[in-house]
Amino acid sequence: MALLSQSLSRYILENTTERIFERGVAYAREGRVRDLQVSNKKLSAIVTGSQPYEVQFKEGPKYMKGSCTCPYALNEDYCKHVVALAIFWDSQRNIALPSEGEREKLCLRVEDGFSKKLDALYRDPLHADLQVLAEAADMGSWVRPHAKIRIYSPLAEIAHPVSLDEVRVAFQGIKRIARRSLYDSYFCAGEISALLSLAYDIILKRITYVSKEEYLAILAECAVFYYTSYLEMIDGSDGVWQIPFARIQVMFGERAQWRVTKDEEEKLRFSLGKKITGWGDIFEELQTQY
């Protein structure tokens, strides 16, 4: 059962779902696996999701076991970080991925329809069912005690211009939730993401009534909060960050409607670069289609 002599991605199929396997494939292809270490009995690496996680495979006399430091992996099933390392290791040895038929036959089955609802979240994040998003983390076989967060509209839904002050107050309210007793960055991530998505939805509706200068200021505030506060509040290893992110992209994509000039775009890029560090070129990322 030596690590060097078999397809690791096939070996793990019976301990993961097709959805998790596909996301692990994406992680491997996106270059999220680094610092690979190999010995006769151990394979390890760092796999980056919402934060870096330590992933490893250990070989025993009659078995091989993968593990990860992310919350999902406390369950018995393999997470996407474990899958990513397996895929990466096979690619290093030019071993082909399991076929679609192999995945369908061997992967774990989710007995209810909730997995289909989860898949729908990521296929169409702008029309995601935010209640499903809020409940997603609680549907696993392992859940630790955590705060229950009511899903409410952080901003008033009125046909009236939204102000920068209103946006800041709404964001401060969301930040305060993270200071609650039993707040959990993993198990509360879906609820926080749903709240922020609701806020962005209302901003998108009410921003149509503001001036171009106000639009640019609110756009910057939304992006800064997303990167410097929201992503720090959650463990987004399940990809919940994609739902609010899609809304910022829509907001960002409305620059043409506001006739934003090149000079104004450069000022926005410079402002975002100063306020948001460690995430690369945010201006470019917001224009990327996922």
Foldseek 3Di string as FASTA:
>chain_A
DWPVPDQLLLVQQQQAAPVQLVVLCVQLVVVQWDPWDDDRFKTWTWGAFLHTKIWMWGDDPPDIDIAIPDPVRVDVGDGSPNSNSSVNSCVVVPHDHDDPVSNVVRHDDDPDCLVVLVVVCVVCLQPRDLVSLQCVLVPDPDDDDADRDDQDQLADQDQEADFPVSLVVSLVVLLVVLVDPRHDQENRLSSSLSRLLNNLVSNVNRNVPDAPVRLLVNLLVNVLCLQVPSSVSHDCNVPSSVNSLVSSLVSLVCCVVNVQDPVNLVVSQVVSPVRHPDPPRVNVVSPDDD
